[in-house]
Amino acid sequence: MFRKIFSGESWKAESDEDFASNLVDNGLGVPSVFLLELAKPLNVLASSAFTVLSPVGHLFFDREKWDVVPDFFSDRKRIEDMINSIEKELAAHES
């Protein structure tokens, strides 16, 4: 399932809404919101952890894709926007 989410097709999303839609369609909407809410107070630690783990991450994921992650976690507003996008997609998916 994670391989499908992180495949090239999912990462070609134009916006956060497209990526949120991919997460919800693959059944990862609720776990994603949970993990993002968990990471909000620890965003500096999460960003630093992904930076430190980048040599290992580059072995399993594409470099450009991996290097976007620390930038994402370093911006609290972006995390909140992603949570809102996922919750909006979850509400639309349930209707």
PDB file of N, CA and C in Angstrom:
ATOM      1  N   MET A   1       0.822  -1.185   0.000  1.00  0.00           N
ATOM      2  CA  MET A   1       0.000   0.000   0.000  1.00  0.00           C
ATOM      3  C   MET A   1       0.873   1.260   0.000  1.00  0.00           C
ATOM      4  N   PHE A   2       1.910   1.284   0.849  1.00  0.00           N
ATOM      5  CA  PHE A   2       2.770   2.459   0.895  1.00  0.00           C
ATOM      6  C   PHE A   2       3.523   2.650  -0.418  1.00  0.00           C
ATOM      7  N   ARG A   3       3.880   1.556  -1.053  1.00  0.00           N
ATOM      8  CA  ARG A   3       4.575   1.658  -2.332  1.00  0.00           C
ATOM      9  C   ARG A   3       3.687   2.345  -3.362  1.00  0.00           C
ATOM     10  N   LYS A   4       2.386   2.052  -3.299  1.00  0.00           N
ATOM     11  CA  LYS A   4       1.441   2.681  -4.218  1.00  0.00           C
ATOM     12  C   LYS A   4       1.331   4.178  -3.940  1.00  0.00           C
ATOM     13  N   ILE A   5       1.305   4.552  -2.658  1.00  0.00           N
ATOM     14  CA  ILE A   5       1.205   5.969  -2.290  1.00  0.00           C
ATOM     15  C   ILE A   5       2.445   6.728  -2.735  1.00  0.00           C
ATOM     16  N   PHE A   6       3.610   6.152  -2.511  1.00  0.00           N
ATOM     17  CA  PHE A   6       4.850   6.862  -2.803  1.00  0.00           C
ATOM     18  C   PHE A   6       5.380   6.585  -4.198  1.00  0.00           C
ATOM     19  N   SER A   7       4.563   5.981  -5.038  1.00  0.00           N
ATOM     20  CA  SER A   7       4.989   5.750  -6.417  1.00  0.00           C
ATOM     21  C   SER A   7       5.006   7.074  -7.172  1.00  0.00           C
ATOM     22  N   GLY A   8       5.586   7.077  -8.325  1.00  0.00           N
ATOM     23  CA  GLY A   8       5.696   8.293  -9.116  1.00  0.00           C
ATOM     24  C   GLY A   8       4.364   8.920  -9.455  1.00  0.00           C
ATOM     25  N   GLU A   9       3.334   8.107  -9.636  1.00  0.00           N
ATOM     26  CA  GLU A   9       2.023   8.631 -10.015  1.00  0.00           C
ATOM     27  C   GLU A   9       1.425   9.493  -8.911  1.00  0.00           C
ATOM     28  N   SER A  10       1.522   9.045  -7.664  1.00  0.00           N
ATOM     29  CA  SER A  10       0.950   9.809  -6.554  1.00  0.00           C
ATOM     30  C   SER A  10       1.707  11.109  -6.309  1.00  0.00           C
ATOM     31  N   TRP A  11       2.990  11.103  -6.546  1.00  0.00           N
ATOM     32  CA  TRP A  11       3.791  12.289  -6.261  1.00  0.00           C
ATOM     33  C   TRP A  11       3.692  13.327  -7.365  1.00  0.00           C
ATOM     34  N   LYS A  12       2.974  13.031  -8.430  1.00  0.00           N
ATOM     35  CA  LYS A  12       2.799  14.010  -9.498  1.00  0.00           C
ATOM     36  C   LYS A  12       1.625  14.931  -9.227  1.00  0.00           C
ATOM     37  N   ALA A  13       1.133  14.920  -7.990  1.00  0.00           N
ATOM     38  CA  ALA A  13      -0.024  15.732  -7.628  1.00  0.00           C
ATOM     39  C   ALA A  13       0.302  17.207  -7.805  1.00  0.00           C
ATOM     40  N   GLU A  14      -0.687  17.922  -8.309  1.00  0.00           N
ATOM     41  CA  GLU A  14      -0.519  19.355  -8.554  1.00  0.00           C
ATOM     42  C   GLU A  14      -0.583  20.167  -7.264  1.00  0.00           C
ATOM     43  N   SER A  15      -1.331  19.662  -6.266  1.00  0.00           N
ATOM     44  CA  SER A  15      -1.535  20.444  -5.053  1.00  0.00           C
ATOM     45  C   SER A  15      -1.694  19.508  -3.859  1.00  0.00           C
ATOM     46  N   ASP A  16      -1.839  20.123  -2.687  1.00  0.00           N
ATOM     47  CA  ASP A  16      -2.077  19.341  -1.476  1.00  0.00           C
ATOM     48  C   ASP A  16      -3.387  18.580  -1.569  1.00  0.00           C
ATOM     49  N   GLU A  17      -4.391  19.175  -2.233  1.00  0.00           N
ATOM     50  CA  GLU A  17      -5.686  18.512  -2.362  1.00  0.00           C
ATOM     51  C   GLU A  17      -5.567  17.226  -3.176  1.00  0.00           C
ATOM     52  N   ASP A  18      -4.759  17.251  -4.222  1.00  0.00           N
ATOM     53  CA  ASP A  18      -4.567  16.045  -5.032  1.00  0.00           C
ATOM     54  C   ASP A  18      -3.876  14.952  -4.221  1.00  0.00           C
ATOM     55  N   PHE A  19      -2.864  15.345  -3.464  1.00  0.00           N
ATOM     56  CA  PHE A  19      -2.146  14.365  -2.639  1.00  0.00           C
ATOM     57  C   PHE A  19      -3.051  13.835  -1.542  1.00  0.00           C
ATOM     58  N   ALA A  20      -3.860  14.730  -0.931  1.00  0.00           N
ATOM     59  CA  ALA A  20      -4.805  14.306   0.100  1.00  0.00           C
ATOM     60  C   ALA A  20      -5.819  13.331  -0.484  1.00  0.00           C
ATOM     61  N   SER A  21      -6.279  13.579  -1.693  1.00  0.00           N
ATOM     62  CA  SER A  21      -7.212  12.686  -2.355  1.00  0.00           C
ATOM     63  C   SER A  21      -6.594  11.304  -2.567  1.00  0.00           C
ATOM     64  N   ASN A  22      -5.327  11.258  -2.955  1.00  0.00           N
ATOM     65  CA  ASN A  22      -4.632   9.977  -3.120  1.00  0.00           C
ATOM     66  C   ASN A  22      -4.540   9.227  -1.798  1.00  0.00           C
ATOM     67  N   LEU A  23      -4.246   9.943  -0.711  1.00  0.00           N
ATOM     68  CA  LEU A  23      -4.162   9.296   0.598  1.00  0.00           C
ATOM     69  C   LEU A  23      -5.504   8.708   1.007  1.00  0.00           C
ATOM     70  N   VAL A  24      -6.571   9.489   0.846  1.00  0.00           N
ATOM     71  CA  VAL A  24      -7.908   9.029   1.238  1.00  0.00           C
ATOM     72  C   VAL A  24      -8.359   7.857   0.371  1.00  0.00           C
ATOM     73  N   ASP A  25      -8.110   7.926  -0.919  1.00  0.00           N
ATOM     74  CA  ASP A  25      -8.500   6.839  -1.824  1.00  0.00           C
ATOM     75  C   ASP A  25      -7.815   5.524  -1.477  1.00  0.00           C
ATOM     76  N   ASN A  26      -6.610   5.602  -0.917  1.00  0.00           N
ATOM     77  CA  ASN A  26      -5.861   4.395  -0.558  1.00  0.00           C
ATOM     78  C   ASN A  26      -6.045   3.994   0.898  1.00  0.00           C
ATOM     79  N   GLY A  27      -6.980   4.656   1.594  1.00  0.00           N
ATOM     80  CA  GLY A  27      -7.293   4.277   2.966  1.00  0.00           C
ATOM     81  C   GLY A  27      -6.332   4.794   4.014  1.00  0.00           C
ATOM     82  N   LEU A  28      -5.530   5.784   3.683  1.00  0.00           N
ATOM     83  CA  LEU A  28      -4.551   6.309   4.629  1.00  0.00           C
ATOM     84  C   LEU A  28      -4.895   7.705   5.134  1.00  0.00           C
ATOM     85  N   GLY A  29      -6.136   8.124   4.981  1.00  0.00           N
ATOM     86  CA  GLY A  29      -6.537   9.465   5.397  1.00  0.00           C
ATOM     87  C   GLY A  29      -6.461   9.663   6.896  1.00  0.00           C
ATOM     88  N   VAL A  30      -7.114   8.781   7.649  1.00  0.00           N
ATOM     89  CA  VAL A  30      -7.153   8.906   9.109  1.00  0.00           C
ATOM     90  C   VAL A  30      -5.762   8.719   9.723  1.00  0.00           C
ATOM     91  N   PRO A  31      -4.991   7.687   9.328  1.00  0.00           N
ATOM     92  CA  PRO A  31      -3.640   7.578   9.897  1.00  0.00           C
ATOM     93  C   PRO A  31      -2.755   8.787   9.552  1.00  0.00           C
ATOM     94  N   SER A  32      -2.953   9.361   8.377  1.00  0.00           N
ATOM     95  CA  SER A  32      -2.159  10.532   7.986  1.00  0.00           C
ATOM     96  C   SER A  32      -2.484  11.732   8.864  1.00  0.00           C
ATOM     97  N   VAL A  33      -3.771  11.949   9.125  1.00  0.00           N
ATOM     98  CA  VAL A  33      -4.163  13.059  10.002  1.00  0.00           C
ATOM     99  C   VAL A  33      -3.590  12.841  11.397  1.00  0.00           C
ATOM    100  N   PHE A  34      -3.673  11.607  11.892  1.00  0.00           N
ATOM    101  CA  PHE A  34      -3.143  11.286  13.213  1.00  0.00           C
ATOM    102  C   PHE A  34      -1.647  11.584  13.291  1.00  0.00           C
ATOM    103  N   LEU A  35      -0.899  11.130  12.313  1.00  0.00           N
ATOM    104  CA  LEU A  35       0.548  11.342  12.330  1.00  0.00           C
ATOM    105  C   LEU A  35       0.927  12.808  12.140  1.00  0.00           C
ATOM    106  N   LEU A  36       0.186  13.519  11.314  1.00  0.00           N
ATOM    107  CA  LEU A  36       0.471  14.947  11.135  1.00  0.00           C
ATOM    108  C   LEU A  36       0.134  15.741  12.391  1.00  0.00           C
ATOM    109  N   GLU A  37      -0.971  15.394  13.060  1.00  0.00           N
ATOM    110  CA  GLU A  37      -1.294  16.057  14.328  1.00  0.00           C
ATOM    111  C   GLU A  37      -0.221  15.761  15.371  1.00  0.00           C
ATOM    112  N   LEU A  38       0.283  14.551  15.359  1.00  0.00           N
ATOM    113  CA  LEU A  38       1.347  14.163  16.276  1.00  0.00           C
ATOM    114  C   LEU A  38       2.643  14.917  15.978  1.00  0.00           C
ATOM    115  N   ALA A  39       2.900  15.169  14.722  1.00  0.00           N
ATOM    116  CA  ALA A  39       4.145  15.824  14.320  1.00  0.00           C
ATOM    117  C   ALA A  39       4.108  17.342  14.472  1.00  0.00           C
ATOM    118  N   LYS A  40       2.914  17.925  14.606  1.00  0.00           N
ATOM    119  CA  LYS A  40       2.822  19.386  14.700  1.00  0.00           C
ATOM    120  C   LYS A  40       3.650  19.969  15.839  1.00  0.00           C
ATOM    121  N   PRO A  41       3.504  19.477  17.075  1.00  0.00           N
ATOM    122  CA  PRO A  41       4.315  20.074  18.135  1.00  0.00           C
ATOM    123  C   PRO A  41       5.793  19.710  18.035  1.00  0.00           C
ATOM    124  N   LEU A  42       6.081  18.671  17.296  1.00  0.00           N
ATOM    125  CA  LEU A  42       7.461  18.214  17.168  1.00  0.00           C
ATOM    126  C   LEU A  42       8.017  18.482  15.771  1.00  0.00           C
ATOM    127  N   ASN A  43       7.505  19.520  15.116  1.00  0.00           N
ATOM    128  CA  ASN A  43       7.874  19.730  13.715  1.00  0.00           C
ATOM    129  C   ASN A  43       9.366  19.967  13.532  1.00  0.00           C
ATOM    130  N   VAL A  44      10.019  20.630  14.459  1.00  0.00           N
ATOM    131  CA  VAL A  44      11.461  20.861  14.329  1.00  0.00           C
ATOM    132  C   VAL A  44      12.210  19.542  14.456  1.00  0.00           C
ATOM    133  N   LEU A  45      11.777  18.710  15.404  1.00  0.00           N
ATOM    134  CA  LEU A  45      12.402  17.402  15.570  1.00  0.00           C
ATOM    135  C   LEU A  45      12.170  16.519  14.352  1.00  0.00           C
ATOM    136  N   ALA A  46      10.949  16.533  13.816  1.00  0.00           N
ATOM    137  CA  ALA A  46      10.635  15.717  12.638  1.00  0.00           C
ATOM    138  C   ALA A  46      11.461  16.170  11.437  1.00  0.00           C
ATOM    139  N   SER A  47      11.566  17.480  11.267  1.00  0.00           N
ATOM    140  CA  SER A  47      12.359  18.005  10.158  1.00  0.00           C
ATOM    141  C   SER A  47      13.822  17.609  10.299  1.00  0.00           C
ATOM    142  N   SER A  48      14.336  17.721  11.517  1.00  0.00           N
ATOM    143  CA  SER A  48      15.735  17.346  11.763  1.00  0.00           C
ATOM    144  C   SER A  48      15.958  15.850  11.589  1.00  0.00           C
ATOM    145  N   ALA A  49      14.988  15.050  12.023  1.00  0.00           N
ATOM    146  CA  ALA A  49      15.122  13.600  11.886  1.00  0.00           C
ATOM    147  C   ALA A  49      15.183  13.186  10.421  1.00  0.00           C
ATOM    148  N   PHE A  50      14.320  13.784   9.586  1.00  0.00           N
ATOM    149  CA  PHE A  50      14.363  13.451   8.163  1.00  0.00           C
ATOM    150  C   PHE A  50      15.655  13.927   7.513  1.00  0.00           C
ATOM    151  N   THR A  51      16.199  15.021   8.006  1.00  0.00           N
ATOM    152  CA  THR A  51      17.468  15.501   7.474  1.00  0.00           C
ATOM    153  C   THR A  51      18.599  14.552   7.849  1.00  0.00           C
ATOM    154  N   VAL A  52      18.600  14.101   9.103  1.00  0.00           N
ATOM    155  CA  VAL A  52      19.646  13.178   9.570  1.00  0.00           C
ATOM    156  C   VAL A  52      19.527  11.830   8.871  1.00  0.00           C
ATOM    157  N   LEU A  53      18.300  11.393   8.630  1.00  0.00           N
ATOM    158  CA  LEU A  53      18.077  10.086   8.004  1.00  0.00           C
ATOM    159  C   LEU A  53      18.133  10.128   6.484  1.00  0.00           C
ATOM    160  N   SER A  54      18.483  11.263   5.925  1.00  0.00           N
ATOM    161  CA  SER A  54      18.479  11.384   4.466  1.00  0.00           C
ATOM    162  C   SER A  54      19.416  10.400   3.761  1.00  0.00           C
ATOM    163  N   PRO A  55      20.595  10.066   4.284  1.00  0.00           N
ATOM    164  CA  PRO A  55      21.401   9.058   3.563  1.00  0.00           C
ATOM    165  C   PRO A  55      20.684   7.717   3.422  1.00  0.00           C
ATOM    166  N   VAL A  56      19.966   7.302   4.456  1.00  0.00           N
ATOM    167  CA  VAL A  56      19.215   6.048   4.393  1.00  0.00           C
ATOM    168  C   VAL A  56      17.995   6.217   3.490  1.00  0.00           C
ATOM    169  N   GLY A  57      17.318   7.356   3.610  1.00  0.00           N
ATOM    170  CA  GLY A  57      16.150   7.622   2.784  1.00  0.00           C
ATOM    171  C   GLY A  57      16.465   7.659   1.307  1.00  0.00           C
ATOM    172  N   HIS A  58      17.653   8.155   0.969  1.00  0.00           N
ATOM    173  CA  HIS A  58      18.050   8.213  -0.434  1.00  0.00           C
ATOM    174  C   HIS A  58      18.260   6.819  -1.021  1.00  0.00           C
ATOM    175  N   LEU A  59      18.500   5.824  -0.160  1.00  0.00           N
ATOM    176  CA  LEU A  59      18.640   4.454  -0.656  1.00  0.00           C
ATOM    177  C   LEU A  59      17.305   3.879  -1.114  1.00  0.00           C
ATOM    178  N   PHE A  60      16.221   4.265  -0.446  1.00  0.00           N
ATOM    179  CA  PHE A  60      14.920   3.666  -0.712  1.00  0.00           C
ATOM    180  C   PHE A  60      13.993   4.542  -1.543  1.00  0.00           C
ATOM    181  N   PHE A  61      14.200   5.852  -1.509  1.00  0.00           N
ATOM    182  CA  PHE A  61      13.319   6.783  -2.209  1.00  0.00           C
ATOM    183  C   PHE A  61      14.134   7.674  -3.134  1.00  0.00           C
ATOM    184  N   ASP A  62      13.457   8.285  -4.067  1.00  0.00           N
ATOM    185  CA  ASP A  62      14.083   9.224  -4.975  1.00  0.00           C
ATOM    186  C   ASP A  62      14.581  10.446  -4.187  1.00  0.00           C
ATOM    187  N   ARG A  63      15.757  10.949  -4.519  1.00  0.00           N
ATOM    188  CA  ARG A  63      16.347  12.068  -3.773  1.00  0.00           C
ATOM    189  C   ARG A  63      15.463  13.306  -3.745  1.00  0.00           C
ATOM    190  N   GLU A  64      14.899  13.683  -4.881  1.00  0.00           N
ATOM    191  CA  GLU A  64      14.072  14.891  -4.931  1.00  0.00           C
ATOM    192  C   GLU A  64      12.840  14.742  -4.046  1.00  0.00           C
ATOM    193  N   LYS A  65      12.260  13.546  -4.041  1.00  0.00           N
ATOM    194  CA  LYS A  65      11.077  13.306  -3.216  1.00  0.00           C
ATOM    195  C   LYS A  65      11.429  13.346  -1.731  1.00  0.00           C
ATOM    196  N   TRP A  66      12.546  12.729  -1.371  1.00  0.00           N
ATOM    197  CA  TRP A  66      12.942  12.682   0.032  1.00  0.00           C
ATOM    198  C   TRP A  66      13.304  14.070   0.552  1.00  0.00           C
ATOM    199  N   ASP A  67      13.954  14.881  -0.241  1.00  0.00           N
ATOM    200  CA  ASP A  67      14.407  16.190   0.206  1.00  0.00           C
ATOM    201  C   ASP A  67      13.274  17.192   0.397  1.00  0.00           C
ATOM    202  N   VAL A  68      12.080  16.888  -0.104  1.00  0.00           N
ATOM    203  CA  VAL A  68      10.913  17.743   0.108  1.00  0.00           C
ATOM    204  C   VAL A  68      10.367  17.568   1.526  1.00  0.00           C
ATOM    205  N   VAL A  69      10.543  16.390   2.114  1.00  0.00           N
ATOM    206  CA  VAL A  69       9.946  16.066   3.402  1.00  0.00           C
ATOM    207  C   VAL A  69      10.437  16.967   4.539  1.00  0.00           C
ATOM    208  N   PRO A  70      11.740  17.192   4.726  1.00  0.00           N
ATOM    209  CA  PRO A  70      12.154  18.090   5.813  1.00  0.00           C
ATOM    210  C   PRO A  70      11.625  19.512   5.647  1.00  0.00           C
ATOM    211  N   ASP A  71      11.531  19.975   4.418  1.00  0.00           N
ATOM    212  CA  ASP A  71      10.965  21.303   4.176  1.00  0.00           C
ATOM    213  C   ASP A  71       9.497  21.351   4.568  1.00  0.00           C
ATOM    214  N   PHE A  72       8.771  20.267   4.292  1.00  0.00           N
ATOM    215  CA  PHE A  72       7.357  20.199   4.648  1.00  0.00           C
ATOM    216  C   PHE A  72       7.175  20.282   6.164  1.00  0.00           C
ATOM    217  N   PHE A  73       7.943  19.488   6.903  1.00  0.00           N
ATOM    218  CA  PHE A  73       7.781  19.451   8.348  1.00  0.00           C
ATOM    219  C   PHE A  73       8.313  20.698   9.047  1.00  0.00           C
ATOM    220  N   SER A  74       9.140  21.469   8.393  1.00  0.00           N
ATOM    221  CA  SER A  74       9.655  22.680   9.031  1.00  0.00           C
ATOM    222  C   SER A  74       8.649  23.825   9.009  1.00  0.00           C
ATOM    223  N   ASP A  75       7.566  23.699   8.247  1.00  0.00           N
ATOM    224  CA  ASP A  75       6.571  24.762   8.120  1.00  0.00           C
ATOM    225  C   ASP A  75       5.253  24.321   8.765  1.00  0.00           C
ATOM    226  N   ARG A  76       4.923  24.893   9.928  1.00  0.00           N
ATOM    227  CA  ARG A  76       3.709  24.502  10.645  1.00  0.00           C
ATOM    228  C   ARG A  76       2.436  24.812   9.874  1.00  0.00           C
ATOM    229  N   LYS A  77       2.429  25.924   9.172  1.00  0.00           N
ATOM    230  CA  LYS A  77       1.231  26.293   8.402  1.00  0.00           C
ATOM    231  C   LYS A  77       0.968  25.270   7.304  1.00  0.00           C
ATOM    232  N   ARG A  78       1.999  24.780   6.692  1.00  0.00           N
ATOM    233  CA  ARG A  78       1.846  23.776   5.634  1.00  0.00           C
ATOM    234  C   ARG A  78       1.287  22.476   6.189  1.00  0.00           C
ATOM    235  N   ILE A  79       1.721  22.103   7.393  1.00  0.00           N
ATOM    236  CA  ILE A  79       1.187  20.900   8.030  1.00  0.00           C
ATOM    237  C   ILE A  79      -0.304  21.070   8.300  1.00  0.00           C
ATOM    238  N   GLU A  80      -0.677  22.231   8.835  1.00  0.00           N
ATOM    239  CA  GLU A  80      -2.086  22.500   9.122  1.00  0.00           C
ATOM    240  C   GLU A  80      -2.917  22.508   7.839  1.00  0.00           C
ATOM    241  N   ASP A  81      -2.377  23.076   6.770  1.00  0.00           N
ATOM    242  CA  ASP A  81      -3.079  23.078   5.486  1.00  0.00           C
ATOM    243  C   ASP A  81      -3.278  21.659   4.956  1.00  0.00           C
ATOM    244  N   MET A  82      -2.284  20.808   5.123  1.00  0.00           N
ATOM    245  CA  MET A  82      -2.401  19.422   4.663  1.00  0.00           C
ATOM    246  C   MET A  82      -3.443  18.673   5.489  1.00  0.00           C
ATOM    247  N   ILE A  83      -3.467  18.900   6.790  1.00  0.00           N
ATOM    248  CA  ILE A  83      -4.469  18.257   7.641  1.00  0.00           C
ATOM    249  C   ILE A  83      -5.869  18.683   7.207  1.00  0.00           C
ATOM    250  N   ASN A  84      -6.049  19.971   6.958  1.00  0.00           N
ATOM    251  CA  ASN A  84      -7.349  20.471   6.502  1.00  0.00           C
ATOM    252  C   ASN A  84      -7.748  19.857   5.163  1.00  0.00           C
ATOM    253  N   SER A  85      -6.793  19.715   4.261  1.00  0.00           N
ATOM    254  CA  SER A  85      -7.078  19.115   2.951  1.00  0.00           C
ATOM    255  C   SER A  85      -7.503  17.653   3.095  1.00  0.00           C
ATOM    256  N   ILE A  86      -6.819  16.912   3.958  1.00  0.00           N
ATOM    257  CA  ILE A  86      -7.157  15.504   4.160  1.00  0.00           C
ATOM    258  C   ILE A  86      -8.532  15.374   4.806  1.00  0.00           C
ATOM    259  N   GLU A  87      -8.804  16.218   5.819  1.00  0.00           N
ATOM    260  CA  GLU A  87     -10.113  16.159   6.473  1.00  0.00           C
ATOM    261  C   GLU A  87     -11.235  16.517   5.505  1.00  0.00           C
ATOM    262  N   LYS A  88     -10.987  17.469   4.624  1.00  0.00           N
ATOM    263  CA  LYS A  88     -11.975  17.842   3.611  1.00  0.00           C
ATOM    264  C   LYS A  88     -12.232  16.668   2.659  1.00  0.00           C
ATOM    265  N   GLU A  89     -11.178  15.993   2.246  1.00  0.00           N
ATOM    266  CA  GLU A  89     -11.326  14.822   1.358  1.00  0.00           C
ATOM    267  C   GLU A  89     -12.026  13.670   2.077  1.00  0.00           C
ATOM    268  N   LEU A  90     -11.731  13.482   3.376  1.00  0.00           N
ATOM    269  CA  LEU A  90     -12.415  12.445   4.138  1.00  0.00           C
ATOM    270  C   LEU A  90     -13.914  12.713   4.214  1.00  0.00           C
ATOM    271  N   ALA A  91     -14.272  13.974   4.458  1.00  0.00           N
ATOM    272  CA  ALA A  91     -15.686  14.335   4.528  1.00  0.00           C
ATOM    273  C   ALA A  91     -16.374  14.136   3.168  1.00  0.00           C
ATOM    274  N   ALA A  92     -15.693  14.488   2.103  1.00  0.00           N
ATOM    275  CA  ALA A  92     -16.262  14.304   0.769  1.00  0.00           C
ATOM    276  C   ALA A  92     -16.348  12.818   0.418  1.00  0.00           C
ATOM    277  N   HIS A  93     -15.395  12.037   0.872  1.00  0.00           N
ATOM    278  CA  HIS A  93     -15.372  10.597   0.575  1.00  0.00           C
ATOM    279  C   HIS A  93     -16.495   9.870   1.309  1.00  0.00           C
ATOM    280  N   GLU A  94     -16.850  10.337   2.514  1.00  0.00           N
ATOM    281  CA  GLU A  94     -17.916   9.695   3.290  1.00  0.00           C
ATOM    282  C   GLU A  94     -19.297  10.019   2.721  1.00  0.00           C
ATOM    283  N   SER A  95     -19.429  11.149   2.049  1.00  0.00           N
ATOM    284  CA  SER A  95     -20.738  11.547   1.513  1.00  0.00           C
ATOM    285  C   SER A  95     -21.123  10.775   0.287  1.00  0.00           C
TER     286      SER A  95
END
